[in-house]
Amino acid sequence: MSDFLDMLKEHNIDLEKLNIYIESEEFELEAGPVVDYNNKNYEIKESDIEGMGVFAAVHFSKGERIGYGVIGKTRTLAGRYGNHSATPNAKYYYFRDNDNMILVADKTIKKGEEIVTNYRQHTYRKEYYE
């Protein structure tokens, strides 16, 4: 069983129900629409992990900003298509003064490599580091 499925099981989340919810109008109202902000740091391509994924269009060193995941009330392509991994190479962080979320390289990411986060960790909301 994949780490993602293990995580869902730990939180008593049914994958089929989750997928239905993600496609619902209710989810879009809550999460915000997906907007392409034309970020040249990454591209969206078919993933070996699941569906579509976010891939580095340039080389990233640890600590470098990849791009936004959430801006205002909208999700970016990186915020929508980022895949889970038990061995992530990036993390999402929220800004202290708003609900924007930024994706930062957590290790070296080579051009062409899929950018992945651990869903268990990717909600470093501002209250965690205030």
N, C-alpha and C. Protein backbone atom coordinates (compact mmCIF):
# COMPACT_ATOMS: atom_id res chain seq x y z
N MET A 1 0.86 -1.19 0.00
CA MET A 1 0.00 0.00 0.00
C MET A 1 0.89 1.24 0.00
N SER A 2 0.54 2.22 -0.81
CA SER A 2 1.36 3.42 -0.91
C SER A 2 1.27 4.26 0.36
N ASP A 3 2.24 5.12 0.53
CA ASP A 3 2.24 6.02 1.69
C ASP A 3 1.01 6.92 1.68
N PHE A 4 0.58 7.35 0.49
CA PHE A 4 -0.60 8.19 0.38
C PHE A 4 -1.84 7.45 0.89
N LEU A 5 -2.00 6.20 0.47
CA LEU A 5 -3.15 5.42 0.93
C LEU A 5 -3.06 5.14 2.43
N ASP A 6 -1.85 4.93 2.92
CA ASP A 6 -1.66 4.77 4.37
C ASP A 6 -2.12 6.01 5.12
N MET A 7 -1.75 7.18 4.59
CA MET A 7 -2.13 8.43 5.23
C MET A 7 -3.65 8.58 5.25
N LEU A 8 -4.31 8.28 4.14
CA LEU A 8 -5.76 8.36 4.10
C LEU A 8 -6.38 7.42 5.14
N LYS A 9 -5.86 6.22 5.23
CA LYS A 9 -6.37 5.24 6.19
C LYS A 9 -6.21 5.74 7.62
N GLU A 10 -5.05 6.34 7.93
CA GLU A 10 -4.78 6.87 9.27
C GLU A 10 -5.80 7.93 9.67
N HIS A 11 -6.31 8.66 8.66
CA HIS A 11 -7.26 9.75 8.92
C HIS A 11 -8.70 9.36 8.59
N ASN A 12 -8.91 8.06 8.37
CA ASN A 12 -10.24 7.54 8.05
C ASN A 12 -10.88 8.25 6.87
N ILE A 13 -10.10 8.44 5.81
CA ILE A 13 -10.58 9.10 4.60
C ILE A 13 -10.74 8.05 3.51
N ASP A 14 -11.92 7.98 2.94
CA ASP A 14 -12.21 7.06 1.84
C ASP A 14 -11.77 7.71 0.53
N LEU A 15 -10.89 7.05 -0.22
CA LEU A 15 -10.33 7.62 -1.44
C LEU A 15 -11.42 7.92 -2.47
N GLU A 16 -12.36 7.04 -2.64
CA GLU A 16 -13.43 7.26 -3.61
C GLU A 16 -14.25 8.51 -3.26
N LYS A 17 -14.59 8.64 -1.98
CA LYS A 17 -15.34 9.83 -1.54
C LYS A 17 -14.50 11.09 -1.68
N LEU A 18 -13.21 10.99 -1.38
CA LEU A 18 -12.31 12.13 -1.52
C LEU A 18 -12.27 12.60 -2.97
N ASN A 19 -12.13 11.67 -3.91
CA ASN A 19 -12.08 12.03 -5.32
C ASN A 19 -13.37 12.69 -5.79
N ILE A 20 -14.50 12.21 -5.31
CA ILE A 20 -15.78 12.82 -5.66
C ILE A 20 -15.84 14.25 -5.10
N TYR A 21 -15.40 14.41 -3.86
CA TYR A 21 -15.41 15.74 -3.23
C TYR A 21 -14.51 16.71 -3.99
N ILE A 22 -13.32 16.27 -4.39
CA ILE A 22 -12.37 17.13 -5.08
C ILE A 22 -12.94 17.65 -6.40
N GLU A 23 -13.80 16.88 -7.02
CA GLU A 23 -14.42 17.29 -8.28
C GLU A 23 -15.70 18.11 -8.09
N SER A 24 -16.11 18.34 -6.85
CA SER A 24 -17.39 19.02 -6.58
C SER A 24 -17.24 20.54 -6.60
N GLU A 25 -18.39 21.20 -6.81
CA GLU A 25 -18.44 22.67 -6.73
C GLU A 25 -18.11 23.14 -5.31
N GLU A 26 -18.54 22.37 -4.33
CA GLU A 26 -18.28 22.71 -2.93
C GLU A 26 -16.77 22.82 -2.68
N PHE A 27 -16.02 21.87 -3.20
CA PHE A 27 -14.56 21.90 -3.02
C PHE A 27 -13.97 23.11 -3.71
N GLU A 28 -14.40 23.40 -4.93
CA GLU A 28 -13.85 24.55 -5.64
C GLU A 28 -14.15 25.85 -4.91
N LEU A 29 -15.33 25.95 -4.32
CA LEU A 29 -15.66 27.15 -3.55
C LEU A 29 -14.75 27.28 -2.33
N GLU A 30 -14.46 26.16 -1.69
CA GLU A 30 -13.62 26.17 -0.50
C GLU A 30 -12.14 26.37 -0.86
N ALA A 31 -11.66 25.63 -1.85
CA ALA A 31 -10.23 25.66 -2.20
C ALA A 31 -9.89 26.79 -3.16
N GLY A 32 -10.87 27.28 -3.88
CA GLY A 32 -10.62 28.32 -4.87
C GLY A 32 -10.36 27.72 -6.24
N PRO A 33 -10.58 28.51 -7.27
CA PRO A 33 -10.35 28.02 -8.62
C PRO A 33 -8.86 27.84 -8.89
N VAL A 34 -8.54 27.07 -9.91
CA VAL A 34 -7.15 26.89 -10.33
C VAL A 34 -6.85 27.91 -11.42
N VAL A 35 -5.78 28.69 -11.19
CA VAL A 35 -5.41 29.75 -12.12
C VAL A 35 -3.97 29.53 -12.57
N ASP A 36 -3.74 29.67 -13.86
CA ASP A 36 -2.39 29.56 -14.41
C ASP A 36 -1.73 30.93 -14.36
N TYR A 37 -0.77 31.12 -13.46
CA TYR A 37 -0.06 32.39 -13.32
C TYR A 37 1.19 32.44 -14.20
N ASN A 38 1.30 31.48 -15.12
CA ASN A 38 2.38 31.46 -16.11
C ASN A 38 3.76 31.40 -15.46
N ASN A 39 3.88 30.60 -14.40
CA ASN A 39 5.17 30.43 -13.72
C ASN A 39 6.08 29.59 -14.62
N LYS A 40 7.25 30.10 -14.94
CA LYS A 40 8.19 29.42 -15.84
C LYS A 40 9.14 28.48 -15.10
N ASN A 41 9.01 28.39 -13.75
CA ASN A 41 9.88 27.51 -12.96
C ASN A 41 9.48 26.04 -13.04
N TYR A 42 8.25 25.78 -13.43
CA TYR A 42 7.76 24.40 -13.49
C TYR A 42 6.80 24.23 -14.65
N GLU A 43 6.55 22.97 -14.97
CA GLU A 43 5.56 22.64 -15.98
C GLU A 43 4.72 21.47 -15.48
N ILE A 44 3.53 21.35 -16.01
CA ILE A 44 2.62 20.29 -15.62
C ILE A 44 2.67 19.22 -16.70
N LYS A 45 2.98 17.99 -16.28
CA LYS A 45 3.08 16.87 -17.22
C LYS A 45 2.49 15.63 -16.56
N GLU A 46 2.30 14.60 -17.37
CA GLU A 46 1.83 13.32 -16.83
C GLU A 46 2.87 12.76 -15.86
N SER A 47 2.36 12.25 -14.73
CA SER A 47 3.22 11.77 -13.66
C SER A 47 3.19 10.25 -13.57
N ASP A 48 4.33 9.67 -13.21
CA ASP A 48 4.36 8.23 -12.91
C ASP A 48 3.72 7.94 -11.56
N ILE A 49 3.55 8.97 -10.73
CA ILE A 49 2.96 8.78 -9.40
C ILE A 49 1.45 8.69 -9.50
N GLU A 50 0.82 9.75 -10.07
CA GLU A 50 -0.64 9.79 -10.18
C GLU A 50 -1.03 10.93 -11.09
N GLY A 51 -1.81 10.68 -12.10
CA GLY A 51 -2.36 11.73 -12.95
C GLY A 51 -1.30 12.68 -13.48
N MET A 52 -1.54 13.96 -13.27
CA MET A 52 -0.61 14.99 -13.69
C MET A 52 0.27 15.38 -12.50
N GLY A 53 1.44 15.92 -12.79
CA GLY A 53 2.35 16.33 -11.73
C GLY A 53 3.07 17.62 -12.09
N VAL A 54 3.79 18.16 -11.13
CA VAL A 54 4.56 19.39 -11.29
C VAL A 54 6.02 18.99 -11.49
N PHE A 55 6.62 19.46 -12.58
CA PHE A 55 8.00 19.10 -12.91
C PHE A 55 8.86 20.36 -13.03
N ALA A 56 10.08 20.25 -12.52
CA ALA A 56 11.00 21.39 -12.54
C ALA A 56 11.39 21.74 -13.97
N ALA A 57 11.22 23.00 -14.34
CA ALA A 57 11.65 23.49 -15.65
C ALA A 57 13.05 24.07 -15.57
N VAL A 58 13.53 24.26 -14.33
CA VAL A 58 14.88 24.76 -14.06
C VAL A 58 15.44 23.98 -12.87
N HIS A 59 16.72 24.13 -12.63
CA HIS A 59 17.37 23.50 -11.47
C HIS A 59 17.06 24.33 -10.22
N PHE A 60 16.78 23.64 -9.10
CA PHE A 60 16.55 24.32 -7.82
C PHE A 60 17.53 23.82 -6.78
N SER A 61 18.07 24.72 -6.00
CA SER A 61 18.87 24.37 -4.83
C SER A 61 17.96 24.41 -3.61
N LYS A 62 18.36 23.72 -2.56
CA LYS A 62 17.59 23.72 -1.32
C LYS A 62 17.34 25.15 -0.87
N GLY A 63 16.08 25.43 -0.50
CA GLY A 63 15.71 26.74 -0.01
C GLY A 63 15.21 27.70 -1.07
N GLU A 64 15.35 27.35 -2.34
CA GLU A 64 14.88 28.23 -3.40
C GLU A 64 13.38 28.16 -3.55
N ARG A 65 12.79 29.30 -3.86
CA ARG A 65 11.35 29.40 -4.07
C ARG A 65 11.02 28.86 -5.46
N ILE A 66 10.08 27.93 -5.49
CA ILE A 66 9.62 27.36 -6.75
C ILE A 66 8.47 28.19 -7.29
N GLY A 67 7.55 28.54 -6.42
CA GLY A 67 6.40 29.36 -6.82
C GLY A 67 5.29 29.24 -5.80
N TYR A 68 4.22 29.95 -6.06
CA TYR A 68 3.08 29.92 -5.17
C TYR A 68 2.26 28.65 -5.38
N GLY A 69 1.63 28.19 -4.30
CA GLY A 69 0.64 27.12 -4.37
C GLY A 69 -0.75 27.71 -4.27
N VAL A 70 -0.85 28.79 -3.48
CA VAL A 70 -2.11 29.53 -3.30
C VAL A 70 -1.78 31.02 -3.31
N ILE A 71 -2.58 31.77 -4.09
CA ILE A 71 -2.47 33.23 -4.10
C ILE A 71 -3.88 33.76 -3.88
N GLY A 72 -4.06 34.45 -2.78
CA GLY A 72 -5.39 34.96 -2.46
C GLY A 72 -6.37 33.81 -2.32
N LYS A 73 -7.39 33.83 -3.08
CA LYS A 73 -8.41 32.76 -3.02
C LYS A 73 -8.32 31.84 -4.23
N THR A 74 -7.13 31.78 -4.86
CA THR A 74 -6.96 30.90 -6.02
C THR A 74 -5.80 29.94 -5.78
N ARG A 75 -5.91 28.77 -6.39
CA ARG A 75 -4.82 27.80 -6.38
C ARG A 75 -4.06 27.92 -7.70
N THR A 76 -2.76 27.78 -7.64
CA THR A 76 -1.96 27.78 -8.85
C THR A 76 -1.91 26.35 -9.39
N LEU A 77 -1.30 26.20 -10.54
CA LEU A 77 -1.13 24.86 -11.09
C LEU A 77 -0.29 24.00 -10.14
N ALA A 78 0.72 24.60 -9.50
CA ALA A 78 1.54 23.85 -8.54
C ALA A 78 0.73 23.42 -7.33
N GLY A 79 -0.20 24.27 -6.91
CA GLY A 79 -1.06 23.94 -5.78
C GLY A 79 -2.09 22.88 -6.12
N ARG A 80 -2.45 22.78 -7.38
CA ARG A 80 -3.45 21.81 -7.81
C ARG A 80 -2.85 20.45 -8.18
N TYR A 81 -1.70 20.45 -8.84
CA TYR A 81 -1.18 19.22 -9.42
C TYR A 81 0.02 18.62 -8.69
N GLY A 82 0.38 19.17 -7.55
CA GLY A 82 1.49 18.60 -6.78
C GLY A 82 1.13 17.22 -6.24
N ASN A 83 2.01 16.27 -6.40
CA ASN A 83 1.78 14.90 -5.92
C ASN A 83 2.47 14.65 -4.59
N HIS A 84 1.99 13.62 -3.90
CA HIS A 84 2.51 13.20 -2.59
C HIS A 84 3.67 12.23 -2.77
N SER A 85 4.61 12.31 -1.85
CA SER A 85 5.70 11.33 -1.77
C SER A 85 6.15 11.20 -0.32
N ALA A 86 6.50 9.97 0.06
CA ALA A 86 7.07 9.75 1.39
C ALA A 86 8.49 10.33 1.46
N THR A 87 9.09 10.59 0.31
CA THR A 87 10.41 11.20 0.23
C THR A 87 10.32 12.49 -0.59
N PRO A 88 9.76 13.53 0.00
CA PRO A 88 9.52 14.78 -0.74
C PRO A 88 10.81 15.54 -1.05
N ASN A 89 10.74 16.40 -2.06
CA ASN A 89 11.86 17.28 -2.36
C ASN A 89 11.48 18.75 -2.21
N ALA A 90 10.25 19.00 -1.75
CA ALA A 90 9.78 20.38 -1.56
C ALA A 90 8.75 20.42 -0.43
N LYS A 91 8.49 21.63 0.06
CA LYS A 91 7.48 21.84 1.11
C LYS A 91 6.69 23.09 0.78
N TYR A 92 5.43 23.09 1.21
CA TYR A 92 4.60 24.27 1.12
C TYR A 92 4.66 25.00 2.46
N TYR A 93 4.72 26.32 2.40
CA TYR A 93 4.69 27.16 3.60
C TYR A 93 3.66 28.26 3.39
N TYR A 94 2.90 28.57 4.45
CA TYR A 94 1.98 29.70 4.42
C TYR A 94 2.71 30.95 4.87
N PHE A 95 2.31 32.10 4.34
CA PHE A 95 2.84 33.37 4.79
C PHE A 95 2.20 33.74 6.12
N ARG A 96 2.91 34.46 6.94
CA ARG A 96 2.40 34.86 8.26
C ARG A 96 1.23 35.83 8.18
N ASP A 97 1.24 36.73 7.20
CA ASP A 97 0.27 37.82 7.19
C ASP A 97 -0.93 37.60 6.25
N ASN A 98 -0.99 36.45 5.59
CA ASN A 98 -2.14 36.16 4.72
C ASN A 98 -2.23 34.64 4.52
N ASP A 99 -3.12 34.20 3.68
CA ASP A 99 -3.28 32.76 3.45
C ASP A 99 -2.60 32.29 2.18
N ASN A 100 -1.68 33.09 1.64
CA ASN A 100 -0.92 32.64 0.49
C ASN A 100 0.01 31.50 0.91
N MET A 101 0.29 30.63 -0.02
CA MET A 101 1.13 29.46 0.26
C MET A 101 2.21 29.40 -0.81
N ILE A 102 3.44 29.15 -0.38
CA ILE A 102 4.56 29.12 -1.31
C ILE A 102 5.22 27.74 -1.28
N LEU A 103 5.70 27.31 -2.43
CA LEU A 103 6.38 26.03 -2.57
C LEU A 103 7.88 26.30 -2.61
N VAL A 104 8.63 25.63 -1.72
CA VAL A 104 10.06 25.85 -1.57
C VAL A 104 10.80 24.52 -1.70
N ALA A 105 11.91 24.52 -2.43
CA ALA A 105 12.72 23.30 -2.57
C ALA A 105 13.31 22.92 -1.22
N ASP A 106 13.14 21.67 -0.84
CA ASP A 106 13.67 21.17 0.43
C ASP A 106 15.00 20.43 0.22
N LYS A 107 15.35 20.23 -1.02
CA LYS A 107 16.64 19.64 -1.40
C LYS A 107 16.88 20.01 -2.85
N THR A 108 18.00 19.64 -3.39
CA THR A 108 18.28 19.91 -4.79
C THR A 108 17.26 19.20 -5.67
N ILE A 109 16.71 19.93 -6.63
CA ILE A 109 15.77 19.37 -7.59
C ILE A 109 16.32 19.67 -8.98
N LYS A 110 16.57 18.62 -9.74
CA LYS A 110 17.12 18.77 -11.08
C LYS A 110 16.03 19.12 -12.09
N LYS A 111 16.41 19.85 -13.10
CA LYS A 111 15.49 20.17 -14.19
C LYS A 111 14.90 18.86 -14.73
N GLY A 112 13.59 18.82 -14.89
CA GLY A 112 12.91 17.63 -15.39
C GLY A 112 12.40 16.70 -14.31
N GLU A 113 12.87 16.88 -13.07
CA GLU A 113 12.45 16.03 -11.94
C GLU A 113 11.07 16.46 -11.44
N GLU A 114 10.26 15.48 -11.02
CA GLU A 114 8.97 15.83 -10.46
C GLU A 114 9.15 16.46 -9.08
N ILE A 115 8.42 17.52 -8.85
CA ILE A 115 8.45 18.22 -7.57
C ILE A 115 7.33 17.63 -6.72
N VAL A 116 7.69 17.03 -5.58
CA VAL A 116 6.71 16.34 -4.75
C VAL A 116 6.81 16.81 -3.30
N THR A 117 5.67 16.77 -2.62
CA THR A 117 5.61 17.11 -1.21
C THR A 117 5.03 15.94 -0.44
N ASN A 118 5.21 15.97 0.86
CA ASN A 118 4.56 14.98 1.71
C ASN A 118 3.30 15.64 2.24
N TYR A 119 2.14 15.11 1.87
CA TYR A 119 0.88 15.73 2.28
C TYR A 119 0.74 15.80 3.79
N ARG A 120 1.45 14.95 4.51
CA ARG A 120 1.40 15.02 5.97
C ARG A 120 2.06 16.31 6.48
N GLN A 121 2.94 16.88 5.69
CA GLN A 121 3.73 18.03 6.12
C GLN A 121 3.38 19.32 5.40
N HIS A 122 2.65 19.27 4.32
CA HIS A 122 2.60 20.45 3.46
C HIS A 122 1.67 21.56 3.94
N THR A 123 1.14 21.44 5.11
CA THR A 123 0.32 22.54 5.62
C THR A 123 1.01 23.22 6.80
N TYR A 124 2.19 23.73 6.55
CA TYR A 124 2.90 24.50 7.58
C TYR A 124 2.23 25.86 7.67
N ARG A 125 1.03 25.86 8.27
CA ARG A 125 0.26 27.08 8.37
C ARG A 125 0.97 28.08 9.27
N LYS A 126 0.64 29.33 9.10
CA LYS A 126 1.34 30.40 9.80
C LYS A 126 1.32 30.24 11.31
N GLU A 127 0.25 29.64 11.88
CA GLU A 127 0.20 29.49 13.34
C GLU A 127 1.26 28.51 13.87
N TYR A 128 1.81 27.66 13.01
CA TYR A 128 2.85 26.74 13.46
C TYR A 128 4.18 27.44 13.71
N TYR A 129 4.40 28.57 13.07
CA TYR A 129 5.69 29.23 13.25
C TYR A 129 5.54 30.69 13.60
N GLU A 130 4.47 31.03 14.31
CA GLU A 130 4.31 32.39 14.81
C GLU A 130 4.99 32.52 16.16
